[in-house]
Amino acid sequence: MLYTKKKRYLLCLIILLLGLVFLSYRTHVQHEFASQLIRFHVIANSDRLEDQTLKLHVRDVIVNEMKERFRHASSRQEAEKIVLDSMDEIKTLAREQIKREGKDYRVAVMMGDFDFPTKTYGTLTLPAGNYHAVRVVIGEGKGKNWWCVLFPPLCFVDSVETLDKNERAKGIKVFEKENVEFRLKCADFLKIFS
């Protein structure tokens, strides 16, 4: 009886250690993604329909302007420099769109590290974690938000279609891990997680 009790403790210890290895690897993958990306986050003034629509229009104006600039960036560092050089213009674009729609909301544009939930873009899922991002806050910033990946340009759905024949898409390394699935083989064997 004592022998089987030790076996159970040993099995639990092994499962615990494997779980820690799994979490460590997942954190490593998230950090690797985070080090290659610049995300884009737009927060609406409120959840009212007109504010949510305005948020999407502000997003469109900024994404359309930044699209061509990011086409020539081949690294996150280059893209970050483009963003930093464009911060005032991003703010102006947002303010002008807000004014065109008859609103007088203030706009805050910042670049920094922010927490993001798990998010899927097409077939790519980015785990929750801390990512470098450009954040645009409209008015009170109390509404639902919208986000994408600014670099490599996953916000720009049509950017791949407009590439020249001999031009490669930038930042394609991110997609190499699109089918990553985290599993513990021993948990499958023991049917611990179903």
C-alpha atoms as a PDB file:
ATOM      1  CA  MET A   1       0.000   0.000   0.000  1.00  0.00           C
ATOM      2  CA  LEU A   2       2.818   2.395   0.876  1.00  0.00           C
ATOM      3  CA  TYR A   3       4.483   1.519  -2.419  1.00  0.00           C
ATOM      4  CA  THR A   4       1.436   2.494  -4.508  1.00  0.00           C
ATOM      5  CA  LYS A   5       1.058   5.730  -2.545  1.00  0.00           C
ATOM      6  CA  LYS A   6       4.654   6.650  -3.467  1.00  0.00           C
ATOM      7  CA  LYS A   7       3.886   5.840  -7.101  1.00  0.00           C
ATOM      8  CA  ARG A   8       0.941   8.234  -7.056  1.00  0.00           C
ATOM      9  CA  TYR A   9       3.033  11.012  -5.523  1.00  0.00           C
ATOM     10  CA  LEU A  10       5.751  10.407  -8.099  1.00  0.00           C
ATOM     11  CA  LEU A  11       3.201  10.468 -10.923  1.00  0.00           C
ATOM     12  CA  CYS A  12       1.729  13.731  -9.589  1.00  0.00           C
ATOM     13  CA  LEU A  13       5.220  15.222  -9.337  1.00  0.00           C
ATOM     14  CA  ILE A  14       6.007  14.224 -12.925  1.00  0.00           C
ATOM     15  CA  ILE A  15       2.728  15.716 -14.165  1.00  0.00           C
ATOM     16  CA  LEU A  16       3.421  18.912 -12.214  1.00  0.00           C
ATOM     17  CA  LEU A  17       6.925  19.181 -13.694  1.00  0.00           C
ATOM     18  CA  LEU A  18       5.613  18.565 -17.206  1.00  0.00           C
ATOM     19  CA  GLY A  19       2.955  21.216 -16.631  1.00  0.00           C
ATOM     20  CA  LEU A  20       5.653  23.700 -15.613  1.00  0.00           C
ATOM     21  CA  VAL A  21       7.673  22.851 -18.724  1.00  0.00           C
ATOM     22  CA  PHE A  22       4.531  23.349 -20.837  1.00  0.00           C
ATOM     23  CA  LEU A  23       3.824  26.762 -19.274  1.00  0.00           C
ATOM     24  CA  SER A  24       7.455  27.786 -19.652  1.00  0.00           C
ATOM     25  CA  TYR A  25       7.466  26.852 -23.338  1.00  0.00           C
ATOM     26  CA  ARG A  26       4.170  28.654 -23.932  1.00  0.00           C
ATOM     27  CA  THR A  27       5.584  31.785 -22.272  1.00  0.00           C
ATOM     28  CA  HIS A  28       8.674  31.497 -24.481  1.00  0.00           C
ATOM     29  CA  VAL A  29       6.532  31.281 -27.649  1.00  0.00           C
ATOM     30  CA  GLN A  30       4.445  34.289 -26.549  1.00  0.00           C
ATOM     31  CA  HIS A  31       7.625  36.262 -25.875  1.00  0.00           C
ATOM     32  CA  GLU A  32       9.019  35.279 -29.283  1.00  0.00           C
ATOM     33  CA  PHE A  33       5.843  36.501 -31.011  1.00  0.00           C
ATOM     34  CA  ALA A  34       5.814  39.656 -28.921  1.00  0.00           C
ATOM     35  CA  SER A  35       9.387  40.496 -29.881  1.00  0.00           C
ATOM     36  CA  GLN A  36       8.483  40.466 -33.598  1.00  0.00           C
ATOM     37  CA  LEU A  37       5.188  42.362 -33.559  1.00  0.00           C
ATOM     38  CA  ILE A  38       3.757  45.812 -33.185  1.00  0.00           C
ATOM     39  CA  ARG A  39       0.065  45.621 -32.439  1.00  0.00           C
ATOM     40  CA  PHE A  40      -2.561  48.293 -33.042  1.00  0.00           C
ATOM     41  CA  HIS A  41      -5.304  49.062 -30.548  1.00  0.00           C
ATOM     42  CA  VAL A  42      -8.154  51.547 -31.000  1.00  0.00           C
ATOM     43  CA  ILE A  43     -10.472  52.220 -28.063  1.00  0.00           C
ATOM     44  CA  ALA A  44     -13.847  53.888 -28.662  1.00  0.00           C
ATOM     45  CA  ASN A  45     -15.292  56.696 -26.563  1.00  0.00           C
ATOM     46  CA  SER A  46     -18.294  54.530 -25.571  1.00  0.00           C
ATOM     47  CA  ASP A  47     -20.312  51.511 -26.653  1.00  0.00           C
ATOM     48  CA  ARG A  48     -22.936  53.638 -28.419  1.00  0.00           C
ATOM     49  CA  LEU A  49     -23.322  52.652 -32.073  1.00  0.00           C
ATOM     50  CA  GLU A  50     -22.103  56.024 -33.364  1.00  0.00           C
ATOM     51  CA  ASP A  51     -18.941  55.841 -31.230  1.00  0.00           C
ATOM     52  CA  GLN A  52     -18.262  52.266 -32.302  1.00  0.00           C
ATOM     53  CA  THR A  53     -18.707  53.271 -35.953  1.00  0.00           C
ATOM     54  CA  LEU A  54     -16.413  56.260 -35.432  1.00  0.00           C
ATOM     55  CA  LYS A  55     -13.780  53.953 -33.939  1.00  0.00           C
ATOM     56  CA  LEU A  56     -13.802  51.835 -37.102  1.00  0.00           C
ATOM     57  CA  HIS A  57     -13.554  54.911 -39.326  1.00  0.00           C
ATOM     58  CA  VAL A  58     -10.571  56.199 -37.327  1.00  0.00           C
ATOM     59  CA  ARG A  59      -8.990  52.757 -37.631  1.00  0.00           C
ATOM     60  CA  ASP A  60      -9.514  52.730 -41.399  1.00  0.00           C
ATOM     61  CA  VAL A  61      -7.956  56.166 -41.899  1.00  0.00           C
ATOM     62  CA  ILE A  62      -4.866  55.252 -39.864  1.00  0.00           C
ATOM     63  CA  VAL A  63      -4.448  51.784 -41.377  1.00  0.00           C
ATOM     64  CA  ASN A  64      -4.795  53.128 -44.924  1.00  0.00           C
ATOM     65  CA  GLU A  65      -2.171  55.793 -44.277  1.00  0.00           C
ATOM     66  CA  MET A  66       0.300  53.452 -42.572  1.00  0.00           C
ATOM     67  CA  LYS A  67      -0.151  50.633 -45.101  1.00  0.00           C
ATOM     68  CA  GLU A  68       2.264  52.013 -47.684  1.00  0.00           C
ATOM     69  CA  ARG A  69       4.830  53.036 -45.087  1.00  0.00           C
ATOM     70  CA  PHE A  70       5.043  49.559 -43.576  1.00  0.00           C
ATOM     71  CA  ARG A  71       5.430  47.958 -46.986  1.00  0.00           C
ATOM     72  CA  HIS A  72       9.125  48.908 -46.904  1.00  0.00           C
ATOM     73  CA  ALA A  73       9.824  47.849 -43.309  1.00  0.00           C
ATOM     74  CA  SER A  74      11.587  44.521 -42.944  1.00  0.00           C
ATOM     75  CA  SER A  75      11.982  44.421 -39.157  1.00  0.00           C
ATOM     76  CA  ARG A  76      10.137  45.475 -36.061  1.00  0.00           C
ATOM     77  CA  GLN A  77      12.828  48.084 -35.388  1.00  0.00           C
ATOM     78  CA  GLU A  78      12.259  49.689 -38.787  1.00  0.00           C
ATOM     79  CA  ALA A  79       8.493  49.600 -38.273  1.00  0.00           C
ATOM     80  CA  GLU A  80       8.847  51.105 -34.796  1.00  0.00           C
ATOM     81  CA  LYS A  81      10.860  53.999 -36.216  1.00  0.00           C
ATOM     82  CA  ILE A  82       8.155  54.575 -38.832  1.00  0.00           C
ATOM     83  CA  VAL A  83       5.512  54.670 -36.097  1.00  0.00           C
ATOM     84  CA  LEU A  84       7.519  57.000 -33.858  1.00  0.00           C
ATOM     85  CA  ASP A  85       8.133  59.358 -36.790  1.00  0.00           C
ATOM     86  CA  SER A  86       4.384  59.270 -37.566  1.00  0.00           C
ATOM     87  CA  MET A  87       2.867  59.708 -34.078  1.00  0.00           C
ATOM     88  CA  ASP A  88       1.793  63.318 -34.613  1.00  0.00           C
ATOM     89  CA  GLU A  89       0.359  62.461 -38.019  1.00  0.00           C
ATOM     90  CA  ILE A  90      -1.562  59.486 -36.581  1.00  0.00           C
ATOM     91  CA  LYS A  91      -3.083  61.802 -33.985  1.00  0.00           C
ATOM     92  CA  THR A  92      -3.947  64.389 -36.664  1.00  0.00           C
ATOM     93  CA  LEU A  93      -5.570  61.735 -38.872  1.00  0.00           C
ATOM     94  CA  ALA A  94      -7.702  60.573 -35.954  1.00  0.00           C
ATOM     95  CA  ARG A  95      -8.706  64.119 -34.964  1.00  0.00           C
ATOM     96  CA  GLU A  96      -9.637  65.023 -38.552  1.00  0.00           C
ATOM     97  CA  GLN A  97     -11.819  61.918 -38.932  1.00  0.00           C
ATOM     98  CA  ILE A  98     -13.528  62.636 -35.608  1.00  0.00           C
ATOM     99  CA  LYS A  99     -14.160  66.228 -36.689  1.00  0.00           C
ATOM    100  CA  ARG A 100     -15.517  65.083 -40.107  1.00  0.00           C
ATOM    101  CA  GLU A 101     -18.094  63.017 -38.227  1.00  0.00           C
ATOM    102  CA  GLY A 102     -19.201  65.997 -36.141  1.00  0.00           C
ATOM    103  CA  LYS A 103     -17.589  65.011 -32.843  1.00  0.00           C
ATOM    104  CA  ASP A 104     -15.201  66.933 -30.640  1.00  0.00           C
ATOM    105  CA  TYR A 105     -13.508  64.055 -28.773  1.00  0.00           C
ATOM    106  CA  ARG A 106      -9.927  64.339 -27.663  1.00  0.00           C
ATOM    107  CA  VAL A 107      -7.498  61.725 -28.953  1.00  0.00           C
ATOM    108  CA  ALA A 108      -4.547  60.143 -27.190  1.00  0.00           C
ATOM    109  CA  VAL A 109      -1.967  58.230 -29.233  1.00  0.00           C
ATOM    110  CA  MET A 110       0.753  56.303 -27.447  1.00  0.00           C
ATOM    111  CA  MET A 111       3.254  53.580 -28.102  1.00  0.00           C
ATOM    112  CA  GLY A 112       4.199  51.167 -25.352  1.00  0.00           C
ATOM    113  CA  ASP A 113       3.779  47.694 -23.932  1.00  0.00           C
ATOM    114  CA  PHE A 114       0.192  46.672 -23.224  1.00  0.00           C
ATOM    115  CA  ASP A 115      -1.625  43.512 -22.184  1.00  0.00           C
ATOM    116  CA  PHE A 116      -3.689  41.796 -24.862  1.00  0.00           C
ATOM    117  CA  PRO A 117      -6.060  38.837 -24.618  1.00  0.00           C
ATOM    118  CA  THR A 118      -5.699  35.789 -26.846  1.00  0.00           C
ATOM    119  CA  LYS A 119      -6.675  36.921 -30.328  1.00  0.00           C
ATOM    120  CA  THR A 120      -7.043  35.128 -33.668  1.00  0.00           C
ATOM    121  CA  TYR A 121      -6.207  36.758 -37.002  1.00  0.00           C
ATOM    122  CA  GLY A 122      -7.247  34.392 -39.778  1.00  0.00           C
ATOM    123  CA  THR A 123      -5.433  31.166 -38.977  1.00  0.00           C
ATOM    124  CA  LEU A 124      -2.904  32.820 -36.638  1.00  0.00           C
ATOM    125  CA  THR A 125      -3.674  32.865 -32.920  1.00  0.00           C
ATOM    126  CA  LEU A 126      -1.576  35.054 -30.664  1.00  0.00           C
ATOM    127  CA  PRO A 127      -1.553  34.050 -27.015  1.00  0.00           C
ATOM    128  CA  ALA A 128      -2.554  36.504 -24.321  1.00  0.00           C
ATOM    129  CA  GLY A 129       0.358  38.536 -23.066  1.00  0.00           C
ATOM    130  CA  ASN A 130       2.228  41.792 -23.116  1.00  0.00           C
ATOM    131  CA  TYR A 131       2.866  43.216 -26.607  1.00  0.00           C
ATOM    132  CA  HIS A 132       4.421  46.382 -27.991  1.00  0.00           C
ATOM    133  CA  ALA A 133       1.578  48.397 -29.508  1.00  0.00           C
ATOM    134  CA  VAL A 134       0.297  51.679 -30.855  1.00  0.00           C
ATOM    135  CA  ARG A 135      -2.789  52.619 -28.859  1.00  0.00           C
ATOM    136  CA  VAL A 136      -5.336  55.205 -29.969  1.00  0.00           C
ATOM    137  CA  VAL A 137      -7.864  56.248 -27.316  1.00  0.00           C
ATOM    138  CA  ILE A 138     -10.875  58.241 -28.514  1.00  0.00           C
ATOM    139  CA  GLY A 139     -12.574  60.527 -25.999  1.00  0.00           C
ATOM    140  CA  GLU A 140     -13.224  58.794 -22.676  1.00  0.00           C
ATOM    141  CA  GLY A 141     -11.948  55.460 -24.013  1.00  0.00           C
ATOM    142  CA  LYS A 142     -14.739  53.552 -22.248  1.00  0.00           C
ATOM    143  CA  GLY A 143     -16.068  51.678 -25.265  1.00  0.00           C
ATOM    144  CA  LYS A 144     -15.282  48.341 -26.828  1.00  0.00           C
ATOM    145  CA  ASN A 145     -11.954  48.259 -28.524  1.00  0.00           C
ATOM    146  CA  TRP A 146     -10.520  46.915 -31.746  1.00  0.00           C
ATOM    147  CA  TRP A 147      -7.048  45.531 -32.335  1.00  0.00           C
ATOM    148  CA  CYS A 148      -4.886  43.934 -34.971  1.00  0.00           C
ATOM    149  CA  VAL A 149      -1.204  43.459 -35.764  1.00  0.00           C
ATOM    150  CA  LEU A 150       0.243  46.615 -37.294  1.00  0.00           C
ATOM    151  CA  PHE A 151       3.582  44.990 -38.093  1.00  0.00           C
ATOM    152  CA  PRO A 152       3.880  42.617 -39.835  1.00  0.00           C
ATOM    153  CA  PRO A 153       0.816  44.100 -41.513  1.00  0.00           C
ATOM    154  CA  LEU A 154      -1.994  41.736 -40.536  1.00  0.00           C
ATOM    155  CA  CYS A 155      -4.387  44.708 -40.294  1.00  0.00           C
ATOM    156  CA  PHE A 156      -3.960  45.227 -43.993  1.00  0.00           C
ATOM    157  CA  VAL A 157      -6.052  42.413 -45.380  1.00  0.00           C
ATOM    158  CA  ASP A 158      -5.431  43.447 -48.971  1.00  0.00           C
ATOM    159  CA  SER A 159      -1.702  44.145 -48.609  1.00  0.00           C
ATOM    160  CA  VAL A 160      -0.670  40.637 -49.690  1.00  0.00           C
ATOM    161  CA  GLU A 161      -2.869  40.832 -52.787  1.00  0.00           C
ATOM    162  CA  THR A 162      -1.163  44.030 -53.940  1.00  0.00           C
ATOM    163  CA  LEU A 163       2.402  42.745 -53.677  1.00  0.00           C
ATOM    164  CA  ASP A 164       4.372  42.786 -56.907  1.00  0.00           C
ATOM    165  CA  LYS A 165       5.185  39.423 -58.469  1.00  0.00           C
ATOM    166  CA  ASN A 166       8.798  39.388 -57.272  1.00  0.00           C
ATOM    167  CA  GLU A 167       8.088  40.975 -53.871  1.00  0.00           C
ATOM    168  CA  ARG A 168       7.955  38.890 -50.705  1.00  0.00           C
ATOM    169  CA  ALA A 169       5.601  39.707 -47.850  1.00  0.00           C
ATOM    170  CA  LYS A 170       7.392  41.101 -44.800  1.00  0.00           C
ATOM    171  CA  GLY A 171       7.340  39.378 -41.430  1.00  0.00           C
ATOM    172  CA  ILE A 172       6.302  36.013 -42.783  1.00  0.00           C
ATOM    173  CA  LYS A 173       8.199  34.280 -39.939  1.00  0.00           C
ATOM    174  CA  VAL A 174       5.182  34.808 -37.700  1.00  0.00           C
ATOM    175  CA  PHE A 175       3.102  32.450 -39.820  1.00  0.00           C
ATOM    176  CA  GLU A 176       5.554  29.578 -39.552  1.00  0.00           C
ATOM    177  CA  LYS A 177       4.087  28.760 -36.141  1.00  0.00           C
ATOM    178  CA  GLU A 178       0.430  29.035 -37.103  1.00  0.00           C
ATOM    179  CA  ASN A 179      -0.369  25.414 -36.237  1.00  0.00           C
ATOM    180  CA  VAL A 180       1.298  25.279 -32.833  1.00  0.00           C
ATOM    181  CA  GLU A 181      -0.739  23.171 -30.426  1.00  0.00           C
ATOM    182  CA  PHE A 182       0.260  22.817 -26.793  1.00  0.00           C
ATOM    183  CA  ARG A 183      -0.390  19.382 -25.339  1.00  0.00           C
ATOM    184  CA  LEU A 184       0.904  17.204 -22.554  1.00  0.00           C
ATOM    185  CA  LYS A 185       1.269  13.671 -23.882  1.00  0.00           C
ATOM    186  CA  CYS A 186       1.115  12.158 -20.411  1.00  0.00           C
ATOM    187  CA  ALA A 187      -2.104  14.101 -19.720  1.00  0.00           C
ATOM    188  CA  ASP A 188      -3.581  12.665 -22.918  1.00  0.00           C
ATOM    189  CA  PHE A 189      -2.469   9.207 -21.851  1.00  0.00           C
ATOM    190  CA  LEU A 190      -3.926   9.558 -18.401  1.00  0.00           C
ATOM    191  CA  LYS A 191      -6.981  11.417 -19.786  1.00  0.00           C
ATOM    192  CA  ILE A 192      -6.527  14.192 -17.239  1.00  0.00           C
ATOM    193  CA  PHE A 193      -7.546  17.025 -19.574  1.00  0.00           C
ATOM    194  CA  SER A 194     -10.446  16.332 -21.914  1.00  0.00           C
END
